[in-house]
PDB file of all heavy atoms in Angstrom:
ATOM      1  N   LEU A   1       0.810  -1.238   0.009  1.00  0.00           N
ATOM      2  CA  LEU A   1       0.022  -0.013   0.081  1.00  0.00           C
ATOM      3  C   LEU A   1       0.855   1.365   0.052  1.00  0.00           C
ATOM      4  O   LEU A   1       1.938   1.369   0.638  1.00  0.00           O
ATOM      5  CB  LEU A   1      -1.025  -0.058   1.289  1.00  0.00           C
ATOM      6  CG  LEU A   1      -1.938  -0.945   1.324  1.00  0.00           C
ATOM      7  CD1 LEU A   1      -2.717  -0.908   2.658  1.00  0.00           C
ATOM      8  CD2 LEU A   1      -3.009  -0.845   0.167  1.00  0.00           C
ATOM      9  N   PRO A   2       0.453   2.152  -0.763  1.00  0.00           N
ATOM     10  CA  PRO A   2       1.308   3.501  -0.754  1.00  0.00           C
ATOM     11  C   PRO A   2       1.295   4.291   0.558  1.00  0.00           C
ATOM     12  O   PRO A   2       2.176   5.012   0.821  1.00  0.00           O
ATOM     13  CB  PRO A   2       0.656   4.263  -1.795  1.00  0.00           C
ATOM     14  CG  PRO A   2      -0.780   3.827  -2.032  1.00  0.00           C
ATOM     15  CD  PRO A   2      -0.623   2.264  -1.576  1.00  0.00           C
ATOM     16  N   GLN A   3       0.357   3.957   1.330  1.00  0.00           N
ATOM     17  CA  GLN A   3       0.338   4.772   2.596  1.00  0.00           C
ATOM     18  C   GLN A   3       1.131   4.178   3.776  1.00  0.00           C
ATOM     19  O   GLN A   3       1.244   4.628   4.846  1.00  0.00           O
ATOM     20  CB  GLN A   3      -1.230   4.700   3.222  1.00  0.00           C
ATOM     21  CG  GLN A   3      -2.288   5.359   2.397  1.00  0.00           C
ATOM     22  CD  GLN A   3      -2.788   4.491   1.332  1.00  0.00           C
ATOM     23  OE1 GLN A   3      -2.331   3.304   1.120  1.00  0.00           O
ATOM     24  NE2 GLN A   3      -4.044   4.868   0.758  1.00  0.00           N
ATOM     25  N   VAL A   4       1.680   2.997   3.422  1.00  0.00           N
ATOM     26  CA  VAL A   4       2.429   2.248   4.444  1.00  0.00           C
ATOM     27  C   VAL A   4       3.950   2.341   4.164  1.00  0.00           C
ATOM     28  O   VAL A   4       4.402   2.185   3.059  1.00  0.00           O
ATOM     29  CB  VAL A   4       2.047   0.650   4.352  1.00  0.00           C
ATOM     30  CG1 VAL A   4       2.982  -0.059   5.315  1.00  0.00           C
ATOM     31  CG2 VAL A   4       0.661   0.601   4.839  1.00  0.00           C
ATOM     32  N   ALA A   5       4.732   2.599   5.233  1.00  0.00           N
ATOM     33  CA  ALA A   5       6.173   2.744   5.175  1.00  0.00           C
ATOM     34  C   ALA A   5       6.895   1.425   5.537  1.00  0.00           C
ATOM     35  O   ALA A   5       7.932   1.125   4.863  1.00  0.00           O
ATOM     36  CB  ALA A   5       6.681   3.883   6.136  1.00  0.00           C
ATOM     37  N   SER A   6       6.437   0.723   6.431  1.00  0.00           N
ATOM     38  CA  SER A   6       7.147  -0.644   6.831  1.00  0.00           C
ATOM     39  C   SER A   6       6.115  -1.507   7.461  1.00  0.00           C
ATOM     40  O   SER A   6       5.081  -0.934   8.091  1.00  0.00           O
ATOM     41  CB  SER A   6       8.307  -0.384   7.724  1.00  0.00           C
ATOM     42  OG  SER A   6       7.888   0.160   8.951  1.00  0.00           O
ATOM     43  N   VAL A   7       6.327  -2.744   7.467  1.00  0.00           N
ATOM     44  CA  VAL A   7       5.504  -3.769   8.046  1.00  0.00           C
ATOM     45  C   VAL A   7       6.302  -4.693   8.930  1.00  0.00           C
ATOM     46  O   VAL A   7       7.503  -5.139   8.363  1.00  0.00           O
ATOM     47  CB  VAL A   7       4.668  -4.564   7.088  1.00  0.00           C
ATOM     48  CG1 VAL A   7       3.761  -5.549   7.831  1.00  0.00           C
ATOM     49  CG2 VAL A   7       3.689  -3.652   6.367  1.00  0.00           C
ATOM     50  N   THR A   8       5.982  -4.975  10.238  1.00  0.00           N
ATOM     51  CA  THR A   8       6.669  -5.990  11.063  1.00  0.00           C
ATOM     52  C   THR A   8       5.620  -6.947  11.498  1.00  0.00           C
ATOM     53  O   THR A   8       4.645  -6.668  12.102  1.00  0.00           O
ATOM     54  CB  THR A   8       7.287  -5.368  12.249  1.00  0.00           C
ATOM     55  OG1 THR A   8       8.192  -4.249  11.816  1.00  0.00           O
ATOM     56  CG2 THR A   8       8.111  -6.293  13.090  1.00  0.00           C
ATOM     57  N   GLY A   9       5.936  -8.257  11.178  1.00  0.00           N
ATOM     58  CA  GLY A   9       5.018  -9.249  11.484  1.00  0.00           C
ATOM     59  C   GLY A   9       5.782 -10.514  12.325  1.00  0.00           C
ATOM     60  O   GLY A   9       6.847 -10.250  12.595  1.00  0.00           O
ATOM     61  N   PRO A  10       5.044 -11.653  12.534  1.00  0.00           N
ATOM     62  CA  PRO A  10       5.589 -12.690  13.156  1.00  0.00           C
ATOM     63  C   PRO A  10       6.828 -13.229  12.613  1.00  0.00           C
ATOM     64  O   PRO A  10       7.613 -13.865  13.207  1.00  0.00           O
ATOM     65  CB  PRO A  10       4.409 -13.706  13.146  1.00  0.00           C
ATOM     66  CG  PRO A  10       3.201 -12.956  12.888  1.00  0.00           C
ATOM     67  CD  PRO A  10       3.582 -11.785  12.130  1.00  0.00           C
ATOM     68  N   GLU A  11       6.850 -13.052  11.261  1.00  0.00           N
ATOM     69  CA  GLU A  11       8.093 -13.643  10.514  1.00  0.00           C
ATOM     70  C   GLU A  11       9.470 -12.785  11.000  1.00  0.00           C
ATOM     71  O   GLU A  11      10.546 -13.362  10.884  1.00  0.00           O
ATOM     72  CB  GLU A  11       7.897 -13.550   9.080  1.00  0.00           C
ATOM     73  CG  GLU A  11       6.783 -14.451   8.542  1.00  0.00           C
ATOM     74  CD  GLU A  11       6.653 -14.341   7.023  1.00  0.00           C
ATOM     75  OE1 GLU A  11       7.401 -13.552   6.370  1.00  0.00           O
ATOM     76  OE2 GLU A  11       5.851 -15.264   6.462  1.00  0.00           O
ATOM     77  N   GLN A  12       9.218 -11.557  11.281  1.00  0.00           N
ATOM     78  CA  GLN A  12      10.413 -10.691  11.699  1.00  0.00           C
ATOM     79  C   GLN A  12      10.708 -10.743  13.120  1.00  0.00           C
ATOM     80  O   GLN A  12      11.823 -10.508  13.586  1.00  0.00           O
ATOM     81  CB  GLN A  12      10.085  -9.271  11.261  1.00  0.00           C
ATOM     82  CG  GLN A  12      10.136  -8.988   9.861  1.00  0.00           C
ATOM     83  CD  GLN A  12       9.018  -9.468   9.115  1.00  0.00           C
ATOM     84  OE1 GLN A  12       7.868  -9.384   9.635  1.00  0.00           O
ATOM     85  NE2 GLN A  12       9.111  -9.979   7.797  1.00  0.00           N
ATOM     86  N   SER A  13       9.546 -10.999  13.991  1.00  0.00           N
ATOM     87  CA  SER A  13       9.758 -11.014  15.546  1.00  0.00           C
ATOM     88  C   SER A  13       8.887 -12.192  16.090  1.00  0.00           C
ATOM     89  O   SER A  13       7.713 -12.020  15.972  1.00  0.00           O
ATOM     90  CB  SER A  13       9.366  -9.674  16.081  1.00  0.00           C
ATOM     91  OG  SER A  13       9.490  -9.669  17.472  1.00  0.00           O
ATOM     92  N   ALA A  14       9.476 -12.970  16.781  1.00  0.00           N
ATOM     93  CA  ALA A  14       8.771 -14.070  17.464  1.00  0.00           C
ATOM     94  C   ALA A  14       7.942 -13.514  18.641  1.00  0.00           C
ATOM     95  O   ALA A  14       7.050 -14.085  19.161  1.00  0.00           O
ATOM     96  CB  ALA A  14       9.755 -15.023  18.049  1.00  0.00           C
ATOM     97  N   ASP A  15       8.213 -12.267  19.136  1.00  0.00           N
ATOM     98  CA  ASP A  15       7.532 -11.579  20.223  1.00  0.00           C
ATOM     99  C   ASP A  15       6.005 -11.248  19.809  1.00  0.00           C
ATOM    100  O   ASP A  15       5.239 -10.945  20.671  1.00  0.00           O
ATOM    101  CB  ASP A  15       8.171 -10.317  20.725  1.00  0.00           C
ATOM    102  CG  ASP A  15       9.387 -10.749  21.496  1.00  0.00           C
ATOM    103  OD1 ASP A  15       9.519 -11.907  21.983  1.00  0.00           O
ATOM    104  OD2 ASP A  15      10.402  -9.931  21.490  1.00  0.00           O
ATOM    105  N   LEU A  16       5.779 -11.379  18.450  1.00  0.00           N
ATOM    106  CA  LEU A  16       4.405 -10.978  17.987  1.00  0.00           C
ATOM    107  C   LEU A  16       3.624 -12.250  17.759  1.00  0.00           C
ATOM    108  O   LEU A  16       2.687 -12.152  17.026  1.00  0.00           O
ATOM    109  CB  LEU A  16       4.683 -10.295  16.678  1.00  0.00           C
ATOM    110  CG  LEU A  16       5.512  -8.975  16.673  1.00  0.00           C
ATOM    111  CD1 LEU A  16       5.499  -8.289  15.443  1.00  0.00           C
ATOM    112  CD2 LEU A  16       4.865  -7.918  17.803  1.00  0.00           C
ATOM    113  N   ILE A  17       3.845 -13.335  18.461  1.00  0.00           N
ATOM    114  CA  ILE A  17       3.109 -14.514  18.473  1.00  0.00           C
ATOM    115  C   ILE A  17       2.725 -14.790  19.870  1.00  0.00           C
ATOM    116  O   ILE A  17       3.604 -14.728  20.762  1.00  0.00           O
ATOM    117  CB  ILE A  17       3.926 -15.712  17.759  1.00  0.00           C
ATOM    118  CG1 ILE A  17       4.320 -15.262  16.382  1.00  0.00           C
ATOM    119  CG2 ILE A  17       2.974 -16.970  17.818  1.00  0.00           C
ATOM    120  CD1 ILE A  17       5.218 -16.361  15.695  1.00  0.00           C
ATOM    121  N   ALA A  18       1.400 -15.206  20.027  1.00  0.00           N
ATOM    122  CA  ALA A  18       1.041 -15.620  21.321  1.00  0.00           C
ATOM    123  C   ALA A  18       0.009 -16.796  21.300  1.00  0.00           C
ATOM    124  O   ALA A  18      -0.446 -17.174  20.172  1.00  0.00           O
ATOM    125  CB  ALA A  18       0.288 -14.441  22.003  1.00  0.00           C
ATOM    126  N   ASP A  19      -0.365 -17.368  22.367  1.00  0.00           N
ATOM    127  CA  ASP A  19      -1.422 -18.424  22.549  1.00  0.00           C
ATOM    128  C   ASP A  19      -0.952 -19.563  21.557  1.00  0.00           C
ATOM    129  O   ASP A  19      -1.800 -20.156  20.886  1.00  0.00           O
ATOM    130  CB  ASP A  19      -2.670 -17.991  22.121  1.00  0.00           C
ATOM    131  CG  ASP A  19      -3.865 -18.885  22.574  1.00  0.00           C
ATOM    132  OD1 ASP A  19      -3.590 -19.709  23.441  1.00  0.00           O
ATOM    133  OD2 ASP A  19      -4.836 -18.809  22.007  1.00  0.00           O
ATOM    134  N   GLY A  20       0.280 -19.944  21.696  1.00  0.00           N
ATOM    135  CA  GLY A  20       0.735 -21.190  20.910  1.00  0.00           C
ATOM    136  C   GLY A  20       0.671 -20.928  19.346  1.00  0.00           C
ATOM    137  O   GLY A  20       0.566 -21.910  18.724  1.00  0.00           O
ATOM    138  N   GLY A  21       0.718 -19.743  18.934  1.00  0.00           N
ATOM    139  CA  GLY A  21       0.647 -19.453  17.497  1.00  0.00           C
ATOM    140  C   GLY A  21      -0.705 -19.171  16.947  1.00  0.00           C
ATOM    141  O   GLY A  21      -0.909 -18.836  15.774  1.00  0.00           O
ATOM    142  N   ARG A  22      -1.717 -19.233  17.775  1.00  0.00           N
ATOM    143  CA  ARG A  22      -3.091 -18.946  17.309  1.00  0.00           C
ATOM    144  C   ARG A  22      -3.360 -17.445  17.246  1.00  0.00           C
ATOM    145  O   ARG A  22      -4.371 -17.119  16.700  1.00  0.00           O
ATOM    146  CB  ARG A  22      -4.091 -19.619  18.255  1.00  0.00           C
ATOM    147  CG  ARG A  22      -4.125 -21.172  17.988  1.00  0.00           C
ATOM    148  CD  ARG A  22      -5.364 -21.882  18.838  1.00  0.00           C
ATOM    149  NE  ARG A  22      -4.858 -21.802  20.270  1.00  0.00           N
ATOM    150  CZ  ARG A  22      -4.139 -22.828  20.868  1.00  0.00           C
ATOM    151  NH1 ARG A  22      -3.813 -23.813  20.164  1.00  0.00           N
ATOM    152  NH2 ARG A  22      -3.847 -22.754  22.175  1.00  0.00           N
ATOM    153  N   ILE A  23      -2.521 -16.673  17.891  1.00  0.00           N
ATOM    154  CA  ILE A  23      -2.796 -15.232  17.854  1.00  0.00           C
ATOM    155  C   ILE A  23      -1.378 -14.563  17.278  1.00  0.00           C
ATOM    156  O   ILE A  23      -0.260 -14.898  17.862  1.00  0.00           O
ATOM    157  CB  ILE A  23      -3.067 -14.699  19.220  1.00  0.00           C
ATOM    158  CG1 ILE A  23      -4.390 -15.302  19.713  1.00  0.00           C
ATOM    159  CG2 ILE A  23      -3.231 -13.114  19.215  1.00  0.00           C
ATOM    160  CD1 ILE A  23      -4.772 -14.726  21.058  1.00  0.00           C
ATOM    161  N   ALA A  24      -1.605 -13.683  16.436  1.00  0.00           N
ATOM    162  CA  ALA A  24      -0.350 -12.967  16.010  1.00  0.00           C
ATOM    163  C   ALA A  24      -0.608 -11.461  15.744  1.00  0.00           C
ATOM    164  O   ALA A  24      -1.861 -11.043  15.601  1.00  0.00           O
ATOM    165  CB  ALA A  24      -0.075 -13.489  14.553  1.00  0.00           C
ATOM    166  N   LEU A  25       0.446 -10.736  15.789  1.00  0.00           N
ATOM    167  CA  LEU A  25       0.325  -9.142  15.727  1.00  0.00           C
ATOM    168  C   LEU A  25       1.042  -8.759  14.537  1.00  0.00           C
ATOM    169  O   LEU A  25       2.285  -9.058  14.465  1.00  0.00           O
ATOM    170  CB  LEU A  25       0.664  -8.637  17.022  1.00  0.00           C
ATOM    171  CG  LEU A  25       0.445  -7.008  17.109  1.00  0.00           C
ATOM    172  CD1 LEU A  25      -1.062  -6.757  17.348  1.00  0.00           C
ATOM    173  CD2 LEU A  25       1.240  -6.520  18.406  1.00  0.00           C
TER     174      LEU A  25
END
């Protein structure tokens, strides 16, 4: 998207995963 500068997800940081992988940020 042109409005977005950067994206950080579970692939970049394991801290963004919870509940055994059923929740991600």
